């Protein structure tokens, strides 16, 4: 007679079989994961090819570069004076208004110098220059002294620009220095000017030095006294030096670098030193030569020896 197998023994045996199968699959998985791939074996550990970085390049050229400082100023008459009376008293007549033209020696006002109990004839006030009435600070009936300006007269046939240079650029301000002038009233146009007068002292409050510039060439009749002007003052100039576009050089800790491209389209890291800067370009003191192809766009993604693809 055969023995009857208990159900509990069958269940236990099935569980053991399942555990053994799962363990076997786990071991196989570990072995497969640790097995070197066919690609790795074929490559022998060699470096894969690097993808070329797309860049734009600019040729380093020799040219003139100017260092500028931008300051604001006002257009004013070259010759502008205040007209004072010879005596103090009450103004009985003002004969001109702002905008009127006067000649030298013209009577512009009358003053009664009388005091209580005294009677004097009116005293005339004469213009000392020919020009246009720019200001009329007093009115008929006002009492004035010999230090009170009756009118301000200016010669509008020749205009200049008055502006103030910050202290750190004051040593660069000198007579004959060239400048470009931009007027708010005439957008998009540029006028040439030259420094004609430099104050010998700095203003102690603003720490600036006053300069005056005269327009070069024929005076444009559209330019009027009182216009707001922006002056680009050339503080220094270098001739026949290597220049590159601003933004081409990369600032590192303690210096500047740029990337050039050789005949094999490989990027090369160059340490450079910069000199004068203008609005668009910067001078290269050393590190680059005329004719070098320097990366002007895409340089921030490069390392030394990277392949590049140049965009035309």
Protein backbone atom coordinates (compact mmCIF):
# COMPACT_ATOMS: atom_id res chain seq x y z
CA UNK A 1 0.00 0.00 0.00
CA UNK A 2 1.41 3.41 -1.02
CA UNK A 3 1.81 6.24 1.44
CA UNK A 4 -0.34 9.33 1.01
CA UNK A 5 1.63 12.59 0.52
CA UNK A 6 0.57 15.39 2.76
CA UNK A 7 -0.56 18.67 1.08
CA UNK A 8 1.72 20.78 3.29
CA UNK A 9 4.80 18.97 2.02
CA UNK A 10 3.79 19.65 -1.62
CA UNK A 11 3.33 23.38 -0.99
CA UNK A 12 6.69 23.60 0.78
CA UNK A 13 8.42 21.90 -2.14
CA UNK A 14 6.85 24.29 -4.65
CA UNK A 15 8.02 27.31 -2.65
CA UNK A 16 11.57 25.95 -2.60
CA UNK A 17 11.53 25.44 -6.36
CA UNK A 18 10.33 29.01 -6.97
CA UNK A 19 13.05 30.45 -4.72
CA UNK A 20 15.75 28.49 -6.55
CA UNK A 21 14.51 29.66 -9.98
CA UNK A 22 14.34 33.35 -8.92
CA UNK A 23 17.79 33.19 -7.38
CA UNK A 24 19.14 31.74 -10.58
CA UNK A 25 17.65 34.53 -12.66
CA UNK A 26 19.14 37.11 -10.29
CA UNK A 27 22.59 35.62 -10.61
CA UNK A 28 22.25 35.58 -14.40
CA UNK A 29 21.17 39.24 -14.39
CA UNK A 30 24.20 40.27 -12.31
CA UNK A 31 26.50 38.32 -14.63
CA UNK A 32 25.00 39.97 -17.72
CA UNK A 33 25.27 43.44 -16.23
CA UNK A 34 28.91 42.98 -15.34
CA UNK A 35 29.81 41.40 -18.68
CA UNK A 36 31.71 43.92 -20.94
CA UNK A 37 29.70 45.00 -23.97
CA UNK A 38 30.72 44.15 -27.47
CA UNK A 39 31.15 47.87 -28.19
CA UNK A 40 33.47 48.30 -25.23
CA UNK A 41 35.52 45.26 -26.22
CA UNK A 42 35.80 46.46 -29.80
CA UNK A 43 36.73 50.01 -28.77
CA UNK A 44 39.51 48.91 -26.52
CA UNK A 45 38.75 51.87 -24.17
CA UNK A 46 39.47 54.51 -26.86
CA UNK A 47 37.94 58.07 -26.82
CA UNK A 48 34.83 58.64 -28.89
CA UNK A 49 34.89 61.43 -31.55
CA UNK A 50 33.82 64.86 -30.24
CA UNK A 51 31.01 66.85 -31.87
CA UNK A 52 32.13 70.09 -33.54
CA UNK A 53 30.86 73.32 -31.96
CA UNK A 54 29.30 75.84 -34.34
CA UNK A 55 30.99 79.26 -34.11
CA UNK A 56 31.51 82.51 -35.95
CA UNK A 57 34.98 83.92 -36.46
CA UNK A 58 36.44 87.36 -37.14
CA UNK A 59 39.84 88.14 -38.57
CA UNK A 60 42.13 90.19 -36.34
CA UNK A 61 43.02 93.42 -38.16
CA UNK A 62 45.23 96.39 -37.48
CA UNK A 63 43.42 99.71 -37.24
CA UNK A 64 42.94 102.93 -35.27
CA UNK A 65 41.15 102.73 -31.92
CA UNK A 66 39.93 105.58 -29.77
CA UNK A 67 39.02 105.57 -26.09
CA UNK A 68 35.95 107.74 -25.44
CA UNK A 69 34.12 109.17 -22.45
CA UNK A 70 30.44 110.14 -22.78
CA UNK A 71 29.36 113.36 -21.05
CA UNK A 72 26.40 115.73 -21.32
CA UNK A 73 26.48 119.46 -22.00
CA UNK A 74 24.59 122.46 -23.35
CA UNK A 75 24.89 124.49 -26.53
CA UNK A 76 25.66 128.12 -25.70
CA UNK A 77 26.81 131.26 -27.55
CA UNK A 78 30.55 131.73 -27.72
CA UNK A 79 30.16 135.37 -26.72
CA UNK A 80 27.53 135.98 -24.03
CA UNK A 81 27.56 138.89 -21.58
CA UNK A 82 25.32 140.46 -18.98
CA UNK A 83 24.42 144.15 -19.38
CA UNK A 84 24.71 146.19 -16.16
CA UNK A 85 23.61 149.81 -15.45
CA UNK A 86 26.07 152.55 -14.60
CA UNK A 87 23.90 153.78 -11.71
CA UNK A 88 21.41 152.29 -9.31
CA UNK A 89 17.76 153.30 -9.23
CA UNK A 90 14.30 152.47 -10.56
CA UNK A 91 13.83 151.10 -14.08
CA UNK A 92 11.55 153.40 -16.03
CA UNK A 93 11.84 151.69 -19.44
CA UNK A 94 12.88 148.34 -20.87
CA UNK A 95 13.15 148.73 -24.63
CA UNK A 96 13.71 145.12 -25.80
CA UNK A 97 12.31 141.63 -25.29
CA UNK A 98 13.86 138.18 -25.36
CA UNK A 99 14.77 137.27 -28.94
CA UNK A 100 15.26 140.86 -30.13
CA UNK A 101 18.54 141.79 -31.83
CA UNK A 102 20.62 144.72 -30.57
CA UNK A 103 23.78 146.44 -31.74
CA UNK A 104 26.72 147.44 -29.66
CA UNK A 105 26.01 150.81 -27.99
CA UNK A 106 22.21 150.48 -28.35
CA UNK A 107 20.16 151.88 -25.44
CA UNK A 108 18.32 148.92 -23.96
CA UNK A 109 16.78 150.46 -20.80
CA UNK A 110 16.39 153.70 -18.80
CA UNK A 111 16.94 154.12 -15.06
CA UNK A 112 15.79 156.94 -12.77
CA UNK A 113 18.54 157.38 -10.16
CA UNK A 114 16.52 159.95 -8.12
CA UNK A 115 16.30 159.75 -4.34
CA UNK A 116 13.59 161.27 -2.15
CA UNK A 117 13.90 165.06 -2.44
CA UNK A 118 16.13 164.81 -5.51
CA UNK A 119 15.39 164.96 -9.20
CA UNK A 120 17.77 163.51 -11.80
CA UNK A 121 17.49 162.79 -15.48
CA UNK A 122 16.98 159.16 -16.53
CA UNK A 123 20.24 157.31 -17.14
CA UNK A 124 20.50 155.05 -20.22
CA UNK A 125 21.75 151.44 -20.13
CA UNK A 126 23.85 150.53 -23.18
CA UNK A 127 24.52 147.11 -24.70
CA UNK A 128 28.23 146.34 -24.72
CA UNK A 129 28.02 143.79 -27.58
CA UNK A 130 25.96 143.10 -30.69
CA UNK A 131 23.74 140.08 -30.44
CA UNK A 132 20.38 138.68 -29.37
CA UNK A 133 18.56 139.24 -26.08
CA UNK A 134 18.71 135.87 -24.32
CA UNK A 135 17.47 136.80 -20.86
CA UNK A 136 15.57 139.72 -19.32
CA UNK A 137 15.71 139.13 -15.56
CA UNK A 138 14.18 142.50 -14.48
CA UNK A 139 11.01 144.46 -15.31
CA UNK A 140 9.92 148.05 -15.51
CA UNK A 141 9.52 149.53 -12.03
CA UNK A 142 12.13 147.28 -10.40
CA UNK A 143 14.83 148.87 -8.28
CA UNK A 144 18.32 147.82 -9.31
CA UNK A 145 21.94 148.42 -8.38
CA UNK A 146 25.05 148.57 -10.51
CA UNK A 147 25.45 144.79 -9.83
CA UNK A 148 22.01 143.88 -11.20
CA UNK A 149 22.01 142.48 -14.78
CA UNK A 150 19.37 144.19 -16.92
CA UNK A 151 19.74 141.89 -19.95
CA UNK A 152 21.85 138.93 -21.08
CA UNK A 153 22.97 139.35 -24.70
CA UNK A 154 24.62 136.65 -26.79
CA UNK A 155 26.11 136.40 -30.27
CA UNK A 156 24.23 133.44 -31.79
CA UNK A 157 26.28 133.42 -35.00
CA UNK A 158 28.87 131.19 -33.34
CA UNK A 159 27.93 128.53 -30.81
CA UNK A 160 29.90 126.26 -28.52
CA UNK A 161 29.24 123.42 -26.09
CA UNK A 162 29.92 123.72 -22.39
CA UNK A 163 30.31 120.51 -20.41
CA UNK A 164 32.11 119.10 -17.38
CA UNK A 165 34.61 116.24 -17.39
CA UNK A 166 34.82 113.89 -14.35
CA UNK A 167 37.99 114.13 -12.31
CA UNK A 168 39.38 110.75 -13.39
CA UNK A 169 39.41 111.93 -17.03
CA UNK A 170 40.49 115.50 -16.29
CA UNK A 171 44.14 114.93 -17.27
CA UNK A 172 43.03 113.75 -20.72
CA UNK A 173 41.06 116.94 -21.39
CA UNK A 174 43.26 119.30 -23.40
CA UNK A 175 42.87 121.89 -26.12
CA UNK A 176 42.64 120.43 -29.61
CA UNK A 177 41.12 117.14 -28.43
CA UNK A 178 38.51 115.84 -30.89
CA UNK A 179 34.95 114.88 -30.01
CA UNK A 180 31.67 113.77 -31.54
CA UNK A 181 28.47 115.61 -30.62
CA UNK A 182 24.94 114.18 -30.63
CA UNK A 183 21.99 116.56 -30.24
CA UNK A 184 18.66 115.52 -28.76
CA UNK A 185 16.84 117.78 -31.23
CA UNK A 186 18.61 116.21 -34.26
CA UNK A 187 18.54 112.43 -33.65
CA UNK A 188 20.69 110.20 -35.82
CA UNK A 189 23.11 112.97 -36.78
CA UNK A 190 26.69 113.41 -35.62
CA UNK A 191 28.62 116.69 -35.44
CA UNK A 192 32.36 117.11 -35.06
CA UNK A 193 33.80 119.37 -32.38
CA UNK A 194 37.13 120.15 -30.78
CA UNK A 195 38.06 121.23 -27.26
CA UNK A 196 38.75 124.96 -27.33
CA UNK A 197 38.97 125.85 -23.64
CA UNK A 198 39.85 123.89 -20.48
CA UNK A 199 39.47 125.29 -16.99
CA UNK A 200 42.76 125.15 -15.05
CA UNK A 201 41.00 124.12 -11.83
CA UNK A 202 38.45 121.50 -10.79
CA UNK A 203 35.15 122.40 -9.21
CA UNK A 204 35.55 121.38 -5.53
CA UNK A 205 31.89 120.36 -5.18
CA UNK A 206 31.29 118.33 -8.34
CA UNK A 207 34.92 117.22 -8.81
CA UNK A 208 34.75 118.06 -12.49
CA UNK A 209 36.66 120.32 -14.84
CA UNK A 210 34.75 122.65 -17.15
CA UNK A 211 35.58 122.50 -20.85
CA UNK A 212 34.19 124.27 -23.90
CA UNK A 213 34.11 122.82 -27.39
CA UNK A 214 33.65 124.61 -30.70
CA UNK A 215 31.92 123.06 -33.69
CA UNK A 216 34.15 122.21 -36.65
CA UNK A 217 33.29 123.29 -40.16
CA UNK A 218 30.36 125.42 -41.20
CA UNK A 219 27.83 126.15 -38.46
CA UNK A 220 24.58 124.24 -39.01
CA UNK A 221 21.69 126.76 -38.81
CA UNK A 222 19.49 124.12 -37.15
CA UNK A 223 21.68 124.15 -34.05
CA UNK A 224 20.34 126.58 -31.47
CA UNK A 225 21.57 127.87 -28.14
CA UNK A 226 20.11 125.94 -25.22
CA UNK A 227 20.03 122.55 -26.98
CA UNK A 228 20.98 119.47 -24.95
CA UNK A 229 24.12 117.77 -26.24
CA UNK A 230 25.83 114.44 -25.60
CA UNK A 231 29.58 114.60 -26.15
CA UNK A 232 31.78 111.61 -26.96
CA UNK A 233 35.19 112.89 -25.96
CA UNK A 234 38.25 111.11 -27.36
CA UNK A 235 40.60 110.75 -24.40
CA UNK A 236 43.29 108.68 -26.17
CA UNK A 237 44.08 107.22 -29.61
CA UNK A 238 46.25 104.31 -30.83
CA UNK A 239 47.31 103.84 -34.44
CA UNK A 240 47.91 100.56 -36.34
CA UNK A 241 47.17 98.17 -33.45
CA UNK A 242 45.43 94.73 -33.50
CA UNK A 243 41.75 95.05 -32.61
CA UNK A 244 38.91 92.57 -32.03
CA UNK A 245 35.18 93.11 -31.45
CA UNK A 246 34.06 93.79 -27.89
CA UNK A 247 32.72 90.63 -26.29
CA UNK A 248 35.15 88.39 -28.14
CA UNK A 249 37.52 88.15 -25.18
CA UNK A 250 36.50 86.08 -22.13
CA UNK A 251 37.24 87.37 -18.64
CA UNK A 252 38.84 84.75 -16.40
CA UNK A 253 40.10 84.94 -12.86
CA UNK A 254 42.98 87.35 -13.23
CA UNK A 255 43.13 87.76 -17.00
CA UNK A 256 41.58 87.51 -20.46
CA UNK A 257 41.50 84.70 -23.02
CA UNK A 258 40.29 84.27 -26.59
CA UNK A 259 39.92 81.29 -28.91
CA UNK A 260 41.43 81.15 -32.37
CA UNK A 261 40.75 78.58 -35.10
CA UNK A 262 43.58 76.91 -37.03
CA UNK A 263 43.58 75.48 -40.57
CA UNK A 264 42.15 72.16 -39.26
CA UNK A 265 39.19 73.92 -37.62
CA UNK A 266 40.52 73.22 -34.14
CA UNK A 267 39.98 75.81 -31.38
CA UNK A 268 43.08 77.06 -29.62
CA UNK A 269 43.00 78.87 -26.29
CA UNK A 270 45.05 82.08 -26.19
CA UNK A 271 45.88 84.20 -23.17
CA UNK A 272 45.68 87.86 -24.20
CA UNK A 273 46.14 91.35 -22.77
CA UNK A 274 43.76 94.17 -23.66
CA UNK A 275 44.39 97.89 -24.10
CA UNK A 276 42.12 100.72 -25.24
CA UNK A 277 38.40 100.13 -25.65
CA UNK A 278 35.89 101.87 -27.90
CA UNK A 279 32.16 101.35 -28.32
CA UNK A 280 32.67 98.39 -30.67
CA UNK A 281 36.30 97.24 -30.48
CA UNK A 282 39.12 96.58 -28.05
CA UNK A 283 42.88 96.70 -28.57
CA UNK A 284 44.93 93.50 -28.13
CA UNK A 285 48.30 94.32 -26.59
CA UNK A 286 49.65 90.75 -26.92
CA UNK A 287 48.36 87.24 -27.56
CA UNK A 288 46.90 87.77 -31.05
CA UNK A 289 48.32 88.92 -34.37
CA UNK A 290 46.78 90.45 -37.46
CA UNK A 291 45.33 87.69 -39.66
CA UNK A 292 44.38 85.35 -36.80
CA UNK A 293 40.84 84.00 -36.94
CA UNK A 294 39.34 84.67 -33.52
CA UNK A 295 36.02 83.17 -32.38
CA UNK A 296 33.55 86.04 -31.93
CA UNK A 297 30.40 83.97 -31.27
CA UNK A 298 30.20 80.64 -29.45
CA UNK A 299 33.52 81.05 -27.64
CA UNK A 300 31.96 80.54 -24.20
CA UNK A 301 31.23 76.89 -25.05
CA UNK A 302 34.77 76.01 -26.16
CA UNK A 303 37.73 74.29 -24.59
CA UNK A 304 41.27 74.12 -25.91
CA UNK A 305 41.48 71.59 -28.78
CA UNK A 306 37.75 71.39 -29.50
CA UNK A 307 36.76 70.92 -33.15
CA UNK A 308 34.58 73.71 -34.55
CA UNK A 309 32.31 74.30 -37.50
CA UNK A 310 32.53 77.86 -38.85
CA UNK A 311 29.37 79.64 -39.92
CA UNK A 312 29.87 81.84 -42.95
